[in-house]
Amino acid sequence: MDRVTQYCYDVLDNKIIAGESIKLACCRHLEDLEKSKLAPYRYKFDIDKAHHIIDFAETLTLIEGSEGAKSLVLYSFQCFILGSLMGWVDKETGYRRFRQSYIQMGRQNGKSLLSGVLTTYHGNFINYNYGLILLGATKSDQAKIVYKEAVKFIDSDEDLKELFEVKEYKSEIECNLTNNLIRAVGRDTKSLDGFRAIYGSVDEFHAHKDNQMYSLIKDGQKKLKEALLNVITTAGFNLEGPCHKLYRYCKEVLEGKEKNETQFIFIAELDKDDDLEDSYNYFKANPTLQYDEFAQETIKTDYAQAKKMGGTDWNNFLTKQLDMWVAFTETKYMNMDSWYKCATNKTLEDFRSQECNIGMDLSSGGDLTSICFEFVWFEDDERKYFVHQHSFMPVNRVKEHEQTDNAPYKLWIKKGLLTVTHAGGGVKTDYKEVIKYIKEQIRLYDLKIKCIYYDQANASAFLADLESEGWDTLDVYQNSKSLNDSVMDIKYSVEAGNVEYNKKDELLTWAINNCELTKPYQGKVMLDKNSRFKRIDPIACWVDSHKFTMRVEDGCYNPIDALLKASEDW
């Protein structure tokens, strides 16, 4: 049996310890083999092409270390990755199937080595001339890690030296057989515009603040009939960054929730309920660990030390060695894994003609203004909530806030999550647009507004306009005594799976990921943000409405009870 398929059987027969994500990747390969036997399926697995890169890799020489030069012998998971990427092809054209690859595993498992193999292979051993191979990372030094892996392979082999010319001063390698060019680049995105990379590598994607480099390489490959963009990374701390978004998407592909035949995925990670005291579970995040007894003892020691020291040491161990996505700050408000599970396809259309409360958080001028519609219903005596937010920003403040907040406001405007206002020279929020939006949703969905709850700061000039529409309004006192119960009930309701929101609302998710908790005052907390440029307005307005929505009994709203509760805070 070929080495790619054999790996799948060994994983599924538990001869190789692997987590559920890798098992799903193996099932995908085996299922696709069966589908490839049928005419309608577009792809087939070419064993010769798979073994060509595997055999090529095992002609390379490793020179790093104290043991002297030795031939590279691939682990079975490395055969699976390389063979899958090169072996799956289009039946009709013969072009490779996979155009993107996402590989995530713990540190020191040979991710860069694999990319070094792919870099060298694409340099001189594919049927493409005068092409570009881009090795990208956040910094030039990081990009050179993969570059140097390729250089080490070249320097260790006299035959390869004749086929490549290393230009160390330019971080480039010229490929003599094909005239292809290998180039290591940092995050100088302007230098990437216009380039078409037949192979692009994005190293340690978790450290990228945005997806500019990933997008620029991918966009440059659109017209290439055969190209590969390879992401290699460990897990990280930014659960709303571009890497974690790609990670979540790839998980959905493996689980069958999304379909993408051209995305290869290999995610080495523990399963949700794995016992961290059981070091055998560490094999799932570290595919080479099963074959290295010395490393097994080292990671046990590292675990005990990190657990004892706690804090950042513990978070680093979980993230870098066990490949677990972890929010770094200890004051983090929301469990983002729980939050993502609450995402649905529901919209306001699903709550047509129903009652709801509105929460409102107004900006002092040109910042973000947010409102939310919150609905409550009961299932088996459990309260369920749906929240729909919408935000507003003056048109002439968008560019400024995109830079200071590092947030894609223009994209959110296009997606209908954010409305720009133009009055007042476009530098101060026009609250008439807020009223217009509320009235439009009421008209479109026949909504019954019970009450509008607002933060009294910045609301005085706006209050008369609200009341002139005939809506009941109530200001919400902004301190921990007033907001603690609402803040914590939202958190616990999310963790219990009793909150729903539309999965396309990236602005809401971005805001809740920005939320932290203040230090307790007399046992009470409220929301805080982790930076003056990390907005939490869509969540702040939700907290205001939820303070009273959570008090609904059996679906019945009691305005007298709401007023009495508000008076306690005054």
Protein backbone atom coordinates (compact mmCIF):
# COMPACT_ATOMS: atom_id res chain seq x y z
CA MET A 1 0.00 0.00 0.00
CA ASP A 2 1.19 3.55 -0.72
CA ARG A 3 2.60 5.40 2.30
CA VAL A 4 -0.08 8.12 2.28
CA THR A 5 -3.00 5.71 2.48
CA GLN A 6 -1.15 3.41 4.91
CA TYR A 7 -0.84 6.33 7.34
CA CYS A 8 -4.61 6.80 7.25
CA TYR A 9 -5.27 3.16 8.11
CA ASP A 10 -2.66 3.20 10.88
CA VAL A 11 -4.28 6.29 12.43
CA LEU A 12 -7.80 4.90 12.23
CA ASP A 13 -6.63 1.53 13.60
CA ASN A 14 -5.01 3.42 16.53
CA LYS A 15 -1.55 2.17 15.64
CA ILE A 16 -0.62 5.85 15.55
CA ILE A 17 -1.98 8.07 18.31
CA ALA A 18 -3.83 11.02 16.75
CA GLY A 19 -6.61 13.41 17.63
CA GLU A 20 -10.04 13.67 16.07
CA SER A 21 -8.98 16.37 13.58
CA ILE A 22 -6.30 14.15 12.06
CA LYS A 23 -8.68 11.18 12.05
CA LEU A 24 -11.16 13.28 10.08
CA ALA A 25 -8.40 14.21 7.60
CA CYS A 26 -7.59 10.52 7.18
CA CYS A 27 -11.26 9.64 6.70
CA ARG A 28 -11.47 12.36 4.08
CA HIS A 29 -8.58 10.82 2.14
CA LEU A 30 -10.07 7.32 2.25
CA GLU A 31 -13.56 8.53 1.35
CA ASP A 32 -12.16 10.52 -1.56
CA LEU A 33 -10.34 7.41 -2.80
CA GLU A 34 -13.71 5.63 -2.97
CA LYS A 35 -15.37 8.61 -4.66
CA SER A 36 -12.54 8.80 -7.20
CA LYS A 37 -13.60 5.39 -8.54
CA LEU A 38 -16.79 6.99 -9.82
CA ALA A 39 -16.82 9.08 -12.99
CA PRO A 40 -18.56 12.17 -11.57
CA TYR A 41 -15.83 12.79 -8.98
CA ARG A 42 -13.35 15.29 -10.36
CA TYR A 43 -10.15 14.13 -8.64
CA LYS A 44 -7.96 11.04 -8.38
CA PHE A 45 -4.98 10.05 -6.28
CA ASP A 46 -1.84 9.56 -8.39
CA ILE A 47 0.41 7.29 -6.33
CA ASP A 48 3.43 7.91 -8.59
CA LYS A 49 3.20 11.69 -8.08
CA ALA A 50 2.74 11.21 -4.34
CA HIS A 51 5.79 8.98 -4.10
CA HIS A 52 7.83 11.27 -6.33
CA ILE A 53 8.01 14.00 -3.70
CA ILE A 54 8.35 11.47 -0.87
CA ASP A 55 11.27 9.81 -2.66
CA PHE A 56 12.76 13.22 -3.46
CA ALA A 57 12.57 14.22 0.21
CA GLU A 58 14.38 11.08 1.29
CA THR A 59 17.28 11.83 -1.06
CA LEU A 60 17.92 15.02 0.93
CA THR A 61 20.59 15.20 3.62
CA LEU A 62 20.29 16.54 7.14
CA ILE A 63 23.45 18.27 8.35
CA GLU A 64 22.22 20.05 11.48
CA GLY A 65 23.21 18.58 14.84
CA SER A 66 26.08 16.71 16.43
CA GLU A 67 25.57 13.34 14.71
CA GLY A 68 26.98 14.37 11.35
CA ALA A 69 25.29 14.22 7.95
CA LYS A 70 22.50 11.68 7.52
CA SER A 71 19.75 10.99 5.03
CA LEU A 72 16.31 12.42 5.73
CA VAL A 73 13.84 9.70 6.67
CA LEU A 74 10.27 10.94 6.73
CA TYR A 75 7.83 10.19 9.50
CA SER A 76 4.58 8.68 8.28
CA PHE A 77 2.61 11.86 8.94
CA GLN A 78 5.10 13.78 6.78
CA CYS A 79 4.52 11.28 3.98
CA PHE A 80 0.79 11.86 4.38
CA ILE A 81 1.18 15.64 4.08
CA LEU A 82 3.64 15.70 1.17
CA GLY A 83 2.03 12.83 -0.72
CA SER A 84 -1.45 14.31 -0.37
CA LEU A 85 -0.36 17.73 -1.60
CA MET A 86 1.35 16.39 -4.73
CA GLY A 87 -0.61 13.17 -5.31
CA TRP A 88 -4.21 14.38 -5.56
CA VAL A 89 -4.80 15.66 -9.10
CA ASP A 90 -7.60 16.64 -11.46
CA LYS A 91 -8.62 13.63 -13.57
CA GLU A 92 -8.97 15.64 -16.75
CA THR A 93 -6.11 18.16 -16.58
CA GLY A 94 -3.63 16.43 -14.30
CA TYR A 95 -3.22 19.67 -12.34
CA ARG A 96 -2.86 19.33 -8.59
CA ARG A 97 -6.06 19.41 -6.56
CA PHE A 98 -4.89 21.25 -3.46
CA ARG A 99 -4.23 24.98 -3.87
CA GLN A 100 -4.18 25.82 -0.15
CA SER A 101 -2.72 23.89 2.75
CA TYR A 102 -3.19 24.50 6.48
CA ILE A 103 -0.75 22.63 8.73
CA GLN A 104 -0.89 23.18 12.49
CA MET A 105 1.02 21.28 15.16
CA GLY A 106 3.11 21.86 18.26
CA ARG A 107 6.61 23.29 18.12
CA GLN A 108 9.64 21.20 17.10
CA ASN A 109 7.68 18.80 14.92
CA GLY A 110 9.36 19.63 11.63
CA LYS A 111 6.90 22.14 10.13
CA SER A 112 9.69 24.29 8.71
CA LEU A 113 11.54 21.21 7.47
CA LEU A 114 8.45 20.17 5.50
CA SER A 115 8.19 23.61 3.97
CA GLY A 116 11.91 23.45 3.16
CA VAL A 117 11.27 20.23 1.24
CA LEU A 118 8.35 21.82 -0.62
CA THR A 119 10.43 24.93 -1.35
CA THR A 120 13.33 22.99 -2.82
CA TYR A 121 10.99 20.71 -4.77
CA HIS A 122 9.07 23.61 -6.32
CA GLY A 123 12.35 25.30 -7.16
CA ASN A 124 13.70 22.83 -9.70
CA PHE A 125 11.57 19.69 -9.77
CA ILE A 126 8.14 20.74 -11.05
CA ASN A 127 7.11 21.52 -14.60
CA TYR A 128 7.14 25.31 -14.35
CA ASN A 129 9.72 27.84 -15.55
CA TYR A 130 10.51 31.40 -14.47
CA GLY A 131 8.18 31.14 -11.50
CA LEU A 132 8.36 32.73 -8.07
CA ILE A 133 8.47 30.94 -4.73
CA LEU A 134 7.65 33.27 -1.83
CA LEU A 135 8.48 32.45 1.78
CA GLY A 136 6.58 34.93 3.92
CA ALA A 137 6.36 35.71 7.63
CA THR A 138 5.77 38.66 9.95
CA LYS A 139 9.47 39.51 9.94
CA SER A 140 12.32 38.81 7.55
CA ASP A 141 14.16 36.77 10.18
CA GLN A 142 11.13 34.50 10.60
CA ALA A 143 10.78 34.12 6.83
CA LYS A 144 14.42 33.06 6.63
CA ILE A 145 13.75 30.03 8.84
CA VAL A 146 12.14 28.16 5.95
CA TYR A 147 14.60 29.74 3.52
CA LYS A 148 17.52 28.38 5.58
CA GLU A 149 15.96 24.90 5.67
CA ALA A 150 16.16 24.89 1.88
CA VAL A 151 19.71 26.29 1.97
CA LYS A 152 20.81 23.52 4.37
CA PHE A 153 19.46 20.86 1.99
CA ILE A 154 21.32 22.49 -0.90
CA ASP A 155 24.61 22.96 0.97
CA SER A 156 24.65 19.35 2.14
CA ASP A 157 24.48 17.86 -1.38
CA GLU A 158 27.04 18.51 -4.12
CA ASP A 159 24.53 17.58 -6.83
CA LEU A 160 21.96 20.06 -5.50
CA LYS A 161 24.59 22.79 -5.29
CA GLU A 162 24.92 22.61 -9.07
CA LEU A 163 21.18 23.12 -9.49
CA PHE A 164 20.77 26.13 -7.17
CA GLU A 165 22.62 29.39 -6.64
CA VAL A 166 22.17 30.85 -3.15
CA LYS A 167 22.19 34.67 -2.94
CA GLU A 168 22.41 35.04 0.83
CA TYR A 169 22.75 38.83 0.76
CA LYS A 170 19.39 39.07 -1.07
CA SER A 171 17.66 36.19 0.77
CA GLU A 172 17.13 34.60 -2.62
CA ILE A 173 17.90 31.28 -4.31
CA GLU A 174 18.11 31.01 -8.10
CA CYS A 175 17.00 27.68 -9.57
CA ASN A 176 19.18 26.78 -12.54
CA LEU A 177 17.01 24.08 -14.15
CA THR A 178 13.79 26.10 -14.26
CA ASN A 179 14.91 29.70 -13.73
CA ASN A 180 12.48 29.82 -10.84
CA LEU A 181 13.33 32.19 -7.98
CA ILE A 182 12.99 31.47 -4.25
CA ARG A 183 12.63 34.63 -2.12
CA ALA A 184 12.19 35.15 1.64
CA VAL A 185 10.10 38.21 2.50
CA GLY A 186 8.90 39.91 5.67
CA ARG A 187 5.72 41.86 6.14
CA ASP A 188 6.60 44.54 3.59
CA THR A 189 3.35 43.97 1.75
CA LYS A 190 4.00 46.61 -0.91
CA SER A 191 6.85 44.50 -2.27
CA LEU A 192 4.45 41.58 -2.77
CA ASP A 193 1.92 43.35 -4.98
CA GLY A 194 1.84 42.05 -8.53
CA PHE A 195 3.81 38.86 -7.86
CA ARG A 196 2.47 35.47 -8.92
CA ALA A 197 3.89 32.79 -6.66
CA ILE A 198 3.65 29.20 -7.83
CA TYR A 199 4.41 28.27 -4.22
CA GLY A 200 3.83 30.53 -1.25
CA SER A 201 4.57 29.75 2.37
CA VAL A 202 3.18 31.73 5.31
CA ASP A 203 5.16 30.79 8.40
CA GLU A 204 3.74 31.03 11.95
CA PHE A 205 0.50 32.56 10.70
CA HIS A 206 -0.78 32.83 14.29
CA ALA A 207 1.60 35.77 14.81
CA HIS A 208 0.15 37.78 11.90
CA LYS A 209 -2.07 40.68 12.99
CA ASP A 210 -3.95 40.60 9.70
CA ASN A 211 -4.22 38.47 6.59
CA GLN A 212 -2.50 40.89 4.19
CA MET A 213 0.41 38.62 3.30
CA TYR A 214 -1.84 35.55 3.01
CA SER A 215 -4.32 37.43 0.80
CA LEU A 216 -1.67 39.00 -1.42
CA ILE A 217 -0.04 35.64 -2.14
CA LYS A 218 -3.41 33.96 -2.69
CA ASP A 219 -4.69 36.76 -4.94
CA GLY A 220 -1.52 36.52 -7.02
CA GLN A 221 -2.19 32.82 -7.64
CA LYS A 222 -5.71 33.20 -9.02
CA LYS A 223 -4.77 32.84 -12.68
CA LEU A 224 -2.18 30.11 -12.13
CA LYS A 225 -3.57 26.73 -13.12
CA GLU A 226 -1.38 25.01 -10.54
CA ALA A 227 -0.20 26.73 -7.38
CA LEU A 228 0.05 26.13 -3.63
CA LEU A 229 -0.27 28.43 -0.63
CA ASN A 230 1.02 26.62 2.44
CA VAL A 231 0.29 27.87 5.97
CA ILE A 232 2.48 26.37 8.69
CA THR A 233 1.84 27.38 12.27
CA THR A 234 1.36 26.50 15.88
CA ALA A 235 -1.72 27.68 17.77
CA GLY A 236 -1.67 31.20 19.18
CA PHE A 237 -3.30 33.64 21.55
CA ASN A 238 -5.38 35.80 19.18
CA LEU A 239 -8.73 34.07 18.88
CA GLU A 240 -10.07 36.68 16.50
CA GLY A 241 -6.96 36.92 14.31
CA PRO A 242 -6.73 35.68 10.71
CA CYS A 243 -5.06 32.40 11.66
CA HIS A 244 -7.74 31.34 14.11
CA LYS A 245 -10.42 32.26 11.56
CA LEU A 246 -8.70 30.00 9.01
CA TYR A 247 -8.34 27.30 11.68
CA ARG A 248 -12.08 27.43 12.44
CA TYR A 249 -12.92 27.31 8.75
CA CYS A 250 -10.67 24.27 8.22
CA LYS A 251 -12.29 22.50 11.17
CA GLU A 252 -15.67 23.03 9.53
CA VAL A 253 -14.34 21.58 6.27
CA LEU A 254 -13.12 18.47 8.13
CA GLU A 255 -16.47 18.17 9.91
CA GLY A 256 -18.39 18.44 6.65
CA LYS A 257 -20.04 21.75 7.53
CA GLU A 258 -18.17 23.51 4.71
CA LYS A 259 -17.08 22.09 1.36
CA ASN A 260 -13.72 22.95 -0.17
CA GLU A 261 -12.06 20.32 -2.33
CA THR A 262 -8.91 22.40 -2.85
CA GLN A 263 -8.02 22.98 0.83
CA PHE A 264 -5.68 20.46 2.44
CA ILE A 265 -5.81 20.29 6.24
CA PHE A 266 -3.59 18.71 8.87
CA ILE A 267 -4.34 19.84 12.43
CA ALA A 268 -2.48 18.00 15.19
CA GLU A 269 -4.27 18.83 18.43
CA LEU A 270 -5.69 17.28 21.58
CA ASP A 271 -9.37 16.43 21.77
CA LYS A 272 -11.69 18.55 23.87
CA ASP A 273 -11.97 16.28 26.92
CA ASP A 274 -8.43 14.87 26.94
CA ASP A 275 -6.76 14.60 30.35
CA LEU A 276 -3.66 16.80 30.43
CA GLU A 277 -2.18 14.60 33.16
CA ASP A 278 -1.98 11.77 30.63
CA SER A 279 1.17 12.49 28.62
CA TYR A 280 0.13 10.01 25.90
CA ASN A 281 -2.40 12.64 24.82
CA TYR A 282 0.51 14.94 23.99
CA PHE A 283 1.25 12.71 20.98
CA LYS A 284 -1.89 14.10 19.34
CA ALA A 285 -0.42 17.63 19.16
CA ASN A 286 3.16 16.44 18.55
CA PRO A 287 3.28 13.77 15.80
CA THR A 288 7.03 13.16 16.23
CA LEU A 289 6.79 12.67 20.00
CA GLN A 290 5.60 9.08 19.73
CA TYR A 291 9.03 8.13 18.31
CA ASP A 292 11.26 10.13 20.69
CA GLU A 293 11.56 8.85 24.26
CA PHE A 294 13.91 11.66 25.30
CA ALA A 295 11.41 14.32 24.13
CA GLN A 296 8.63 12.47 25.97
CA GLU A 297 10.45 12.87 29.29
CA THR A 298 11.27 16.50 28.52
CA ILE A 299 7.67 17.47 27.82
CA LYS A 300 6.54 15.81 31.06
CA THR A 301 9.02 17.97 32.96
CA ASP A 302 7.91 21.07 31.05
CA TYR A 303 4.28 20.31 31.90
CA ALA A 304 4.96 19.99 35.62
CA GLN A 305 7.01 23.21 35.67
CA ALA A 306 4.48 25.23 33.65
CA LYS A 307 1.58 24.02 35.79
CA LYS A 308 3.42 25.01 38.95
CA MET A 309 4.42 28.44 37.65
CA GLY A 310 1.03 29.18 36.07
CA GLY A 311 0.17 32.42 34.29
CA THR A 312 2.00 33.07 31.04
CA ASP A 313 4.21 29.98 31.47
CA TRP A 314 1.13 27.77 31.59
CA ASN A 315 -0.50 29.53 28.63
CA ASN A 316 2.70 29.20 26.61
CA PHE A 317 2.93 25.49 27.35
CA LEU A 318 -0.68 24.89 26.31
CA THR A 319 -0.32 26.93 23.14
CA LYS A 320 3.18 26.12 21.90
CA GLN A 321 3.66 22.56 23.08
CA LEU A 322 0.10 21.24 23.17
CA ASP A 323 -1.08 23.33 20.21
CA MET A 324 -4.13 24.70 22.02
CA TRP A 325 -5.63 28.09 21.18
CA VAL A 326 -5.66 30.04 24.44
CA ALA A 327 -6.69 33.62 25.19
CA PHE A 328 -3.56 35.05 26.82
CA THR A 329 -5.03 37.44 29.36
CA GLU A 330 -6.26 36.08 32.66
CA THR A 331 -9.00 38.75 32.74
CA LYS A 332 -10.55 37.52 29.49
CA TYR A 333 -14.33 37.73 29.61
CA MET A 334 -15.68 35.23 27.13
CA ASN A 335 -14.81 31.61 26.42
CA MET A 336 -14.54 32.01 22.66
CA ASP A 337 -14.93 28.31 21.94
CA SER A 338 -18.33 28.48 23.64
CA TRP A 339 -19.14 31.67 21.77
CA TYR A 340 -18.47 30.18 18.33
CA LYS A 341 -20.79 27.27 19.14
CA CYS A 342 -23.64 29.76 19.59
CA ALA A 343 -23.40 30.97 15.98
CA THR A 344 -26.50 30.26 13.87
CA ASN A 345 -28.07 31.18 10.54
CA LYS A 346 -30.90 33.04 12.28
CA THR A 347 -31.69 36.65 11.41
CA LEU A 348 -34.38 39.12 12.44
CA GLU A 349 -36.63 37.39 9.93
CA ASP A 350 -36.81 34.43 12.31
CA PHE A 351 -38.29 36.73 14.99
CA ARG A 352 -40.91 38.45 12.87
CA SER A 353 -43.76 40.01 14.89
CA GLN A 354 -42.10 39.20 18.21
CA GLU A 355 -41.33 41.40 21.22
CA CYS A 356 -37.80 42.53 21.97
CA ASN A 357 -35.75 44.97 23.99
CA ILE A 358 -33.22 47.35 22.51
CA GLY A 359 -29.90 48.22 24.10
CA MET A 360 -28.02 51.33 23.08
CA ASP A 361 -24.43 52.52 23.60
CA LEU A 362 -23.81 55.98 22.17
CA SER A 363 -20.40 57.38 21.33
CA SER A 364 -19.14 60.72 22.56
CA GLY A 365 -18.74 61.90 18.99
CA GLY A 366 -16.92 60.09 16.24
CA ASP A 367 -16.35 56.65 17.74
CA LEU A 368 -18.50 53.55 17.40
CA THR A 369 -22.19 53.76 18.31
CA SER A 370 -23.99 50.44 18.72
CA ILE A 371 -27.51 49.16 19.25
CA CYS A 372 -28.83 45.66 19.73
CA PHE A 373 -32.19 43.92 19.49
CA GLU A 374 -32.53 41.16 22.11
CA PHE A 375 -35.21 38.46 22.04
CA VAL A 376 -36.01 35.92 24.74
CA TRP A 377 -38.00 32.68 24.63
CA PHE A 378 -38.22 29.47 26.62
CA GLU A 379 -37.34 25.89 25.68
CA ASP A 380 -37.83 23.20 28.34
CA ASP A 381 -37.84 25.90 31.01
CA GLU A 382 -34.50 27.24 29.76
CA ARG A 383 -34.23 30.88 28.73
CA LYS A 384 -32.90 31.31 25.21
CA TYR A 385 -31.65 34.59 23.79
CA PHE A 386 -31.02 35.92 20.29
CA VAL A 387 -29.04 39.12 19.84
CA HIS A 388 -28.80 41.21 16.69
CA GLN A 389 -26.45 44.21 16.73
CA HIS A 390 -25.86 47.07 14.35
CA SER A 391 -23.28 49.84 14.63
CA PHE A 392 -22.71 53.35 13.29
CA MET A 393 -19.68 55.54 12.58
CA PRO A 394 -19.17 58.94 10.91
CA VAL A 395 -17.96 58.48 7.35
CA ASN A 396 -14.86 60.65 7.80
CA ARG A 397 -13.71 58.73 10.86
CA VAL A 398 -13.67 55.26 9.26
CA LYS A 399 -10.15 55.42 7.81
CA GLU A 400 -8.75 56.78 11.07
CA HIS A 401 -10.38 54.04 13.15
CA GLU A 402 -9.32 51.28 10.76
CA GLN A 403 -5.73 52.23 11.56
CA THR A 404 -6.07 52.85 15.29
CA ASP A 405 -8.41 49.92 16.00
CA ASN A 406 -6.81 47.49 13.52
CA ALA A 407 -10.35 46.55 12.48
CA PRO A 408 -11.80 46.07 8.94
CA TYR A 409 -14.57 48.66 9.25
CA LYS A 410 -14.82 49.14 5.47
CA LEU A 411 -15.45 45.43 5.03
CA TRP A 412 -18.10 45.51 7.76
CA ILE A 413 -19.77 48.43 5.99
CA LYS A 414 -19.97 46.34 2.80
CA LYS A 415 -21.41 43.43 4.77
CA GLY A 416 -24.13 45.61 6.28
CA LEU A 417 -22.92 45.34 9.86
CA LEU A 418 -21.99 49.02 10.11
CA THR A 419 -23.70 52.16 8.80
CA VAL A 420 -21.74 55.33 8.06
CA THR A 421 -23.38 58.67 8.84
CA HIS A 422 -22.75 61.87 6.88
CA ALA A 423 -24.28 64.76 8.85
CA GLY A 424 -22.10 67.15 10.83
CA GLY A 425 -19.34 67.04 8.27
CA GLY A 426 -19.04 63.27 8.66
CA VAL A 427 -17.00 63.57 11.84
CA LYS A 428 -19.76 63.14 14.43
CA THR A 429 -22.35 60.37 14.59
CA ASP A 430 -25.75 61.40 13.26
CA TYR A 431 -28.19 59.84 15.73
CA LYS A 432 -31.06 60.35 13.29
CA GLU A 433 -29.52 57.46 11.33
CA VAL A 434 -29.82 55.31 14.46
CA ILE A 435 -33.54 56.11 14.75
CA LYS A 436 -33.97 55.51 11.02
CA TYR A 437 -32.40 52.06 11.35
CA ILE A 438 -34.60 51.09 14.31
CA LYS A 439 -37.76 52.24 12.52
CA GLU A 440 -36.74 50.34 9.39
CA GLN A 441 -36.28 47.06 11.29
CA ILE A 442 -39.62 47.54 13.02
CA ARG A 443 -41.28 48.09 9.65
CA LEU A 444 -39.53 45.22 7.88
CA TYR A 445 -40.10 42.61 10.59
CA ASP A 446 -43.15 43.97 12.44
CA LEU A 447 -41.19 44.01 15.70
CA LYS A 448 -42.75 44.97 19.03
CA ILE A 449 -40.31 47.16 20.99
CA LYS A 450 -40.91 46.86 24.71
CA CYS A 451 -38.25 49.28 25.92
CA ILE A 452 -35.00 50.94 24.89
CA TYR A 453 -32.24 50.75 27.51
CA TYR A 454 -29.35 53.15 27.23
CA ASP A 455 -26.19 54.36 28.88
CA GLN A 456 -27.03 57.85 30.10
CA ALA A 457 -23.61 59.16 28.99
CA ASN A 458 -23.92 61.02 25.67
CA ALA A 459 -27.69 60.36 25.50
CA SER A 460 -29.23 63.64 26.71
CA ALA A 461 -29.52 65.29 23.28
CA PHE A 462 -30.81 62.06 21.77
CA LEU A 463 -33.36 61.17 24.44
CA ALA A 464 -36.03 63.60 23.26
CA ASP A 465 -35.85 62.16 19.73
CA LEU A 466 -36.32 58.63 21.09
CA GLU A 467 -39.28 59.58 23.25
CA SER A 468 -40.91 61.50 20.39
CA GLU A 469 -41.24 58.19 18.57
CA GLY A 470 -43.38 56.88 21.40
CA TRP A 471 -40.88 54.31 22.64
CA ASP A 472 -40.41 53.62 26.34
CA THR A 473 -36.85 54.34 27.45
CA LEU A 474 -34.85 53.67 30.60
CA ASP A 475 -31.31 54.70 31.45
CA VAL A 476 -29.03 52.03 32.89
CA TYR A 477 -26.66 53.00 35.69
CA GLN A 478 -23.09 52.21 34.66
CA ASN A 479 -21.28 50.65 37.60
CA SER A 480 -20.39 47.13 38.68
CA LYS A 481 -23.27 46.91 41.16
CA SER A 482 -25.75 47.66 38.38
CA LEU A 483 -24.19 45.60 35.59
CA ASN A 484 -22.58 42.61 37.32
CA ASP A 485 -25.58 40.28 37.04
CA SER A 486 -26.13 41.08 33.37
CA VAL A 487 -22.46 40.72 32.46
CA MET A 488 -22.14 37.35 34.15
CA ASP A 489 -25.49 36.02 32.93
CA ILE A 490 -24.48 36.65 29.33
CA LYS A 491 -21.24 34.74 29.94
CA TYR A 492 -22.95 31.80 31.63
CA SER A 493 -25.77 31.72 29.07
CA VAL A 494 -23.20 31.49 26.26
CA GLU A 495 -21.34 28.69 28.02
CA ALA A 496 -24.65 26.86 28.49
CA GLY A 497 -25.46 27.23 24.79
CA ASN A 498 -28.49 29.40 25.46
CA VAL A 499 -27.43 32.38 23.33
CA GLU A 500 -27.75 32.64 19.56
CA TYR A 501 -26.44 35.19 17.06
CA ASN A 502 -25.96 35.30 13.31
CA LYS A 503 -22.68 33.64 12.36
CA LYS A 504 -21.92 36.35 9.77
CA ASP A 505 -21.79 39.08 12.41
CA GLU A 506 -18.00 39.43 12.59
CA LEU A 507 -18.30 42.81 14.31
CA LEU A 508 -20.19 41.31 17.26
CA THR A 509 -17.62 38.51 17.58
CA TRP A 510 -14.72 40.96 17.33
CA ALA A 511 -16.24 43.09 20.10
CA ILE A 512 -16.87 40.23 22.50
CA ASN A 513 -13.32 39.00 22.00
CA ASN A 514 -12.14 42.47 23.07
CA CYS A 515 -14.00 42.30 26.38
CA GLU A 516 -12.29 41.83 29.70
CA LEU A 517 -13.58 42.01 33.26
CA THR A 518 -12.70 44.75 35.70
CA LYS A 519 -11.22 43.86 39.04
CA PRO A 520 -14.05 43.00 41.46
CA TYR A 521 -15.35 45.83 43.63
CA GLN A 522 -17.31 44.50 46.59
CA GLY A 523 -17.60 41.23 44.68
CA LYS A 524 -19.05 42.87 41.56
CA VAL A 525 -17.54 43.28 38.06
CA MET A 526 -18.34 45.00 34.81
CA LEU A 527 -16.90 44.93 31.32
CA ASP A 528 -13.65 46.57 30.35
CA LYS A 529 -11.74 46.60 27.07
CA ASN A 530 -8.19 45.34 26.63
CA SER A 531 -7.05 48.53 24.87
CA ARG A 532 -8.38 52.02 24.27
CA PHE A 533 -8.56 51.06 20.59
CA LYS A 534 -10.40 47.77 21.11
CA ARG A 535 -14.10 48.60 20.93
CA ILE A 536 -16.70 46.75 23.01
CA ASP A 537 -19.72 48.95 22.19
CA PRO A 538 -21.84 46.15 20.59
CA ILE A 539 -21.48 44.17 23.82
CA ALA A 540 -21.94 47.15 26.14
CA CYS A 541 -25.36 47.89 24.61
CA TRP A 542 -26.27 44.20 24.94
CA VAL A 543 -25.38 44.26 28.64
CA ASP A 544 -27.78 47.21 29.08
CA SER A 545 -30.71 45.40 27.46
CA HIS A 546 -29.88 42.05 29.03
CA LYS A 547 -30.07 43.51 32.53
CA PHE A 548 -33.84 43.52 32.06
CA THR A 549 -34.39 40.87 29.39
CA MET A 550 -32.91 38.25 31.72
CA ARG A 551 -35.67 39.06 34.26
CA VAL A 552 -38.47 38.04 31.91
CA GLU A 553 -40.55 35.28 33.51
CA ASP A 554 -42.28 32.68 31.32
CA GLY A 555 -41.95 34.96 28.32
CA CYS A 556 -43.85 37.81 30.00
CA TYR A 557 -42.30 41.25 30.24
CA ASN A 558 -43.02 43.25 33.40
CA PRO A 559 -42.19 46.98 32.97
CA ILE A 560 -42.95 47.74 36.63
CA ASP A 561 -40.39 45.16 37.71
CA ALA A 562 -37.87 46.74 35.34
CA LEU A 563 -38.40 50.17 36.85
CA LEU A 564 -38.10 48.81 40.38
CA LYS A 565 -34.85 47.07 39.47
CA ALA A 566 -33.48 50.26 37.92
CA SER A 567 -34.41 52.27 41.01
CA GLU A 568 -32.27 49.95 43.15
CA ASP A 569 -29.20 51.11 41.22
CA TRP A 570 -30.06 54.78 41.56
